[in-house]
Amino acid sequence: MAKEWESLPACATLEAMRRFLGECGEHADSVVRKISEDPGYVRQLAFHARHADFESSPAQKRAADIMGRGNMFGLAASIKYLGVCLTECLYDDLATIPFAESLLEECCDTHMLVAVLPRSIIWLRDKTRYGMFCRDDWRSIEACMEAGERAYWSLVRKTPVLGSGHRILNEQERLLEADDIIPSARELVWATVGHYLLTEERLFLHARVRCRDVADDVTSRAVVGPFDAIRGINIEYRSNLEEDTSLCLASAKRPASP
């Protein structure tokens, strides 16, 4: 590969480095040391420089056109609303959409296409304004709060599964369509928060929806909701055998196999 930077005027290169290190301030010494000693650090700096003006991939742009306003919360929205730092790994993980365009067209009014980043629900709570989440003690449900290893796309239904209220879990699962899966609490929370940041509309305003996460005693599932203006998003474990009109089931579409 040609080293095009070598043809740049030395004075311009020196001035660019002077400005860059000036912005680093008191950290300039450590930055220079890392540039000299850490190739991974250099690659990350170069990646940020190349993608300073983030542009969605063609697949992401097409998905956004199909889903319409408020129904897609992708990497660009995460950068804008949550201050997410773009990395090469995030960019690569989310470059393609694992759902057929025909499925997106079918679901554009009923589902939310959301980029689920490898960040915990606690991280998401701390990145949003006070009142977005219920401030109860979450130590008993820490398992469903944990971050994932990679970023991925999820196509989450914006309303509970039709007719799933006032049923135990086994009965609710029978209502799922063939291409439906039960999303994790983290997926549902990312979709709920993303939709609110885009539209200021609250999903699951009065409903509580069962998710995929299983409690340690295996007799309960994580439940997300309601998301009301007073307490924010509620998250807890509820028994698989509990029946209540407002205790419903969440669903998402199964992604295509890689």
Protein backbone atom coordinates (compact mmCIF):
# COMPACT_ATOMS: atom_id res chain seq x y z
CA MET A 1 0.00 0.00 0.00
CA ALA A 2 1.39 3.39 -0.96
CA LYS A 3 2.22 5.61 1.97
CA GLU A 4 0.47 8.70 0.66
CA TRP A 5 1.11 10.58 3.90
CA GLU A 6 4.84 10.60 3.06
CA SER A 7 4.12 13.03 0.22
CA LEU A 8 2.54 15.56 2.60
CA PRO A 9 4.60 18.69 3.32
CA ALA A 10 6.63 18.22 6.50
CA CYS A 11 5.46 21.57 7.85
CA ALA A 12 1.77 20.55 7.44
CA THR A 13 2.38 17.20 9.16
CA LEU A 14 4.17 18.89 12.05
CA GLU A 15 1.42 21.49 12.46
CA ALA A 16 -1.27 18.78 12.44
CA MET A 17 0.57 16.84 15.16
CA ARG A 18 1.07 20.02 17.18
CA ARG A 19 -2.69 20.74 17.10
CA PHE A 20 -3.57 17.15 17.96
CA LEU A 21 -1.23 17.00 20.96
CA GLY A 22 -2.43 20.41 22.03
CA GLU A 23 -5.97 19.02 22.28
CA CYS A 24 -4.60 16.13 24.37
CA GLY A 25 -3.45 18.65 26.97
CA GLU A 26 -1.86 17.13 30.07
CA HIS A 27 -2.24 13.65 28.54
CA ALA A 28 0.04 14.45 25.57
CA ASP A 29 3.02 12.58 27.04
CA SER A 30 1.12 9.33 27.49
CA VAL A 31 -0.47 9.68 24.04
CA VAL A 32 2.95 10.05 22.38
CA ARG A 33 4.23 7.05 24.33
CA LYS A 34 1.25 4.88 23.29
CA ILE A 35 1.62 5.92 19.65
CA SER A 36 5.27 4.88 19.80
CA GLU A 37 4.76 1.59 21.63
CA ASP A 38 1.21 0.30 21.02
CA PRO A 39 0.19 -0.61 17.44
CA GLY A 40 -3.38 -1.35 18.57
CA TYR A 41 -3.72 2.15 19.97
CA VAL A 42 -2.49 3.59 16.67
CA ARG A 43 -5.03 1.53 14.71
CA GLN A 44 -7.83 2.74 16.97
CA LEU A 45 -6.80 6.38 16.57
CA ALA A 46 -6.65 5.95 12.81
CA PHE A 47 -10.08 4.30 12.77
CA HIS A 48 -11.60 7.24 14.67
CA ALA A 49 -9.93 9.67 12.29
CA ARG A 50 -11.27 7.86 9.23
CA HIS A 51 -14.80 7.73 10.66
CA ALA A 52 -14.96 11.13 12.32
CA ASP A 53 -18.06 11.88 10.25
CA PHE A 54 -19.94 8.64 10.87
CA GLU A 55 -21.98 7.37 7.95
CA SER A 56 -24.33 4.41 8.20
CA SER A 57 -23.65 1.41 5.99
CA PRO A 58 -25.84 0.90 2.87
CA ALA A 59 -27.72 -1.91 4.66
CA GLN A 60 -28.40 0.35 7.66
CA LYS A 61 -29.61 3.18 5.41
CA ARG A 62 -31.97 0.84 3.58
CA ALA A 63 -33.32 -0.54 6.88
CA ALA A 64 -33.89 3.01 8.17
CA ASP A 65 -35.85 3.87 5.01
CA ILE A 66 -38.07 0.82 5.50
CA MET A 67 -38.63 1.12 9.26
CA GLY A 68 -39.42 4.83 9.21
CA ARG A 69 -39.08 7.48 11.89
CA GLY A 70 -38.87 6.24 15.45
CA ASN A 71 -38.69 2.54 14.58
CA MET A 72 -34.93 2.10 14.25
CA PHE A 73 -32.34 2.91 16.89
CA GLY A 74 -28.99 2.09 15.35
CA LEU A 75 -25.35 2.93 15.86
CA ALA A 76 -25.72 6.49 14.61
CA ALA A 77 -28.51 7.11 17.14
CA SER A 78 -26.43 5.55 19.94
CA ILE A 79 -23.59 7.93 19.12
CA LYS A 80 -25.94 10.93 18.99
CA TYR A 81 -28.13 10.27 22.03
CA LEU A 82 -25.89 8.18 24.31
CA GLY A 83 -22.41 9.41 23.46
CA VAL A 84 -21.24 5.95 22.40
CA CYS A 85 -17.64 5.89 21.22
CA LEU A 86 -17.40 4.30 17.79
CA THR A 87 -15.02 1.35 17.55
CA GLU A 88 -14.01 -0.85 14.66
CA CYS A 89 -15.64 -3.84 16.37
CA LEU A 90 -19.00 -2.05 16.74
CA TYR A 91 -18.84 -0.86 13.16
CA ASP A 92 -18.17 -4.35 11.81
CA ASP A 93 -20.71 -6.12 14.03
CA LEU A 94 -23.55 -3.84 12.88
CA ALA A 95 -22.61 -3.27 9.24
CA THR A 96 -25.18 -5.79 7.97
CA ILE A 97 -28.81 -6.32 9.00
CA PRO A 98 -29.76 -9.97 9.75
CA PHE A 99 -33.37 -9.53 8.67
CA ALA A 100 -34.75 -9.72 5.13
CA GLU A 101 -36.14 -6.52 3.65
CA SER A 102 -39.49 -8.25 3.21
CA LEU A 103 -39.63 -8.97 6.97
CA LEU A 104 -38.71 -5.36 7.80
CA GLU A 105 -41.47 -4.14 5.50
CA GLU A 106 -43.92 -6.49 7.22
CA CYS A 107 -42.87 -5.34 10.70
CA CYS A 108 -42.18 -1.63 10.16
CA ASP A 109 -45.32 -0.54 12.04
CA THR A 110 -45.26 -3.15 14.82
CA HIS A 111 -41.59 -3.64 15.66
CA MET A 112 -38.48 -1.69 16.64
CA LEU A 113 -35.15 -2.44 14.94
CA VAL A 114 -32.52 -1.78 17.57
CA ALA A 115 -28.74 -2.10 17.77
CA VAL A 116 -28.09 -3.84 21.09
CA LEU A 117 -24.62 -2.75 22.12
CA PRO A 118 -22.31 -4.65 24.52
CA ARG A 119 -23.28 -2.36 27.39
CA SER A 120 -25.22 -3.25 30.51
CA ILE A 121 -28.63 -1.96 31.52
CA ILE A 122 -26.87 -0.15 34.38
CA TRP A 123 -24.69 1.65 31.82
CA LEU A 124 -27.78 2.58 29.83
CA ARG A 125 -29.51 3.88 32.96
CA ASP A 126 -26.52 6.06 33.80
CA LYS A 127 -26.43 7.48 30.26
CA THR A 128 -30.05 8.62 30.31
CA ARG A 129 -31.73 11.32 32.31
CA TYR A 130 -33.09 10.86 35.79
CA GLY A 131 -36.54 9.30 35.81
CA MET A 132 -36.00 7.02 32.81
CA PHE A 133 -35.59 3.99 35.06
CA CYS A 134 -37.16 2.88 38.30
CA ARG A 135 -34.62 3.49 41.07
CA ASP A 136 -35.38 0.35 43.09
CA ASP A 137 -32.55 -1.83 44.41
CA TRP A 138 -31.51 -3.98 41.43
CA ARG A 139 -29.07 -6.28 43.24
CA SER A 140 -31.53 -9.19 43.11
CA ILE A 141 -31.74 -9.04 39.30
CA GLU A 142 -28.10 -8.32 38.42
CA ALA A 143 -27.89 -11.34 36.10
CA CYS A 144 -30.16 -9.79 33.47
CA MET A 145 -28.36 -6.45 33.75
CA GLU A 146 -25.00 -7.67 32.45
CA ALA A 147 -23.41 -6.50 29.21
CA GLY A 148 -23.03 -8.79 26.21
CA GLU A 149 -19.81 -9.56 24.36
CA ARG A 150 -20.72 -8.24 20.91
CA ALA A 151 -23.16 -5.80 19.33
CA TYR A 152 -26.07 -7.20 17.34
CA TRP A 153 -29.44 -6.25 15.84
CA SER A 154 -32.78 -7.16 17.38
CA LEU A 155 -36.25 -6.71 15.87
CA VAL A 156 -38.44 -6.26 18.95
CA ARG A 157 -42.23 -6.10 19.00
CA LYS A 158 -43.39 -2.74 20.41
CA THR A 159 -46.44 -4.23 22.10
CA PRO A 160 -47.04 -7.42 24.11
CA VAL A 161 -47.90 -10.63 22.27
CA LEU A 162 -51.59 -10.41 21.44
CA GLY A 163 -53.76 -12.24 23.97
CA SER A 164 -50.85 -13.08 26.30
CA GLY A 165 -52.26 -11.35 29.37
CA HIS A 166 -53.65 -13.37 32.28
CA ARG A 167 -51.74 -16.53 31.32
CA ILE A 168 -48.86 -18.50 32.81
CA LEU A 169 -45.60 -18.58 30.87
CA ASN A 170 -46.15 -21.95 29.15
CA GLU A 171 -49.51 -20.79 27.82
CA GLN A 172 -48.02 -17.51 26.63
CA GLU A 173 -45.23 -19.26 24.72
CA ARG A 174 -47.80 -21.18 22.66
CA LEU A 175 -48.99 -17.85 21.24
CA LEU A 176 -45.66 -17.10 19.56
CA GLU A 177 -45.48 -17.28 15.78
CA ALA A 178 -43.05 -19.67 14.10
CA ASP A 179 -40.42 -16.97 13.47
CA ASP A 180 -40.79 -15.36 16.92
CA ILE A 181 -38.41 -15.61 19.85
CA ILE A 182 -38.54 -14.18 23.36
CA PRO A 183 -36.06 -11.28 23.68
CA SER A 184 -33.76 -10.68 26.61
CA ALA A 185 -34.48 -7.92 29.10
CA ARG A 186 -31.49 -6.01 27.72
CA GLU A 187 -32.88 -6.13 24.18
CA LEU A 188 -36.27 -4.94 25.37
CA VAL A 189 -34.78 -2.12 27.43
CA TRP A 190 -32.59 -0.94 24.54
CA ALA A 191 -35.65 -0.88 22.29
CA THR A 192 -37.79 0.91 24.88
CA VAL A 193 -35.17 3.54 25.66
CA GLY A 194 -34.25 4.02 22.00
CA HIS A 195 -37.86 4.52 20.98
CA TYR A 196 -38.39 7.06 23.75
CA LEU A 197 -35.24 9.02 22.86
CA LEU A 198 -36.39 9.22 19.24
CA THR A 199 -40.08 9.95 19.80
CA GLU A 200 -40.69 10.68 23.53
CA GLU A 201 -43.35 7.97 23.39
CA ARG A 202 -43.40 5.27 26.06
CA LEU A 203 -43.63 1.64 25.06
CA PHE A 204 -45.23 -0.74 27.58
CA LEU A 205 -46.82 2.16 29.40
CA HIS A 206 -49.19 -0.08 31.35
CA ALA A 207 -47.93 -3.58 30.55
CA ARG A 208 -45.32 -5.83 32.13
CA VAL A 209 -43.72 -8.24 29.65
CA ARG A 210 -41.85 -11.46 30.35
CA CYS A 211 -38.40 -11.79 28.79
CA ARG A 212 -35.92 -14.60 28.14
CA ASP A 213 -33.75 -14.15 31.25
CA VAL A 214 -34.24 -16.91 33.83
CA ALA A 215 -33.78 -16.35 37.56
CA ASP A 216 -31.35 -18.50 39.55
CA ASP A 217 -34.21 -20.56 40.93
CA VAL A 218 -35.40 -21.20 37.31
CA THR A 219 -39.02 -20.63 38.39
CA SER A 220 -39.12 -16.97 37.38
CA ARG A 221 -38.37 -14.78 34.36
CA ALA A 222 -37.22 -11.19 34.08
CA VAL A 223 -40.11 -8.80 33.49
CA VAL A 224 -39.77 -5.32 31.96
CA GLY A 225 -42.43 -2.65 32.48
CA PRO A 226 -44.46 -0.74 32.99
CA PHE A 227 -42.69 2.38 31.72
CA ASP A 228 -44.68 5.15 33.32
CA ALA A 229 -43.86 8.83 33.80
CA ILE A 230 -43.69 8.56 37.59
CA ARG A 231 -41.38 5.60 38.26
CA GLY A 232 -39.69 5.00 34.91
CA ILE A 233 -38.92 1.55 33.47
CA ASN A 234 -39.50 -1.20 36.02
CA ILE A 235 -37.42 -4.41 35.90
CA GLU A 236 -37.96 -7.41 38.19
CA TYR A 237 -38.38 -11.19 38.31
CA ARG A 238 -41.88 -12.69 38.40
CA SER A 239 -42.99 -16.31 38.78
CA ASN A 240 -43.64 -18.32 35.61
CA LEU A 241 -46.93 -19.43 37.16
CA GLU A 242 -48.22 -15.96 37.95
CA GLU A 243 -51.27 -14.81 36.02
CA ASP A 244 -52.34 -11.19 35.70
CA THR A 245 -54.04 -9.13 33.03
CA SER A 246 -51.05 -6.77 32.75
CA LEU A 247 -48.40 -9.56 32.89
CA CYS A 248 -47.84 -10.38 29.21
CA LEU A 249 -45.11 -11.78 26.95
CA ALA A 250 -42.51 -9.94 24.88
CA SER A 251 -41.47 -11.13 21.44
CA ALA A 252 -38.92 -10.43 18.73
CA LYS A 253 -38.25 -11.80 15.26
CA ARG A 254 -35.67 -14.54 14.81
CA PRO A 255 -32.61 -13.21 12.95
CA ALA A 256 -31.28 -15.01 9.89
CA SER A 257 -28.45 -17.47 10.53
CA PRO A 258 -25.01 -16.01 9.79
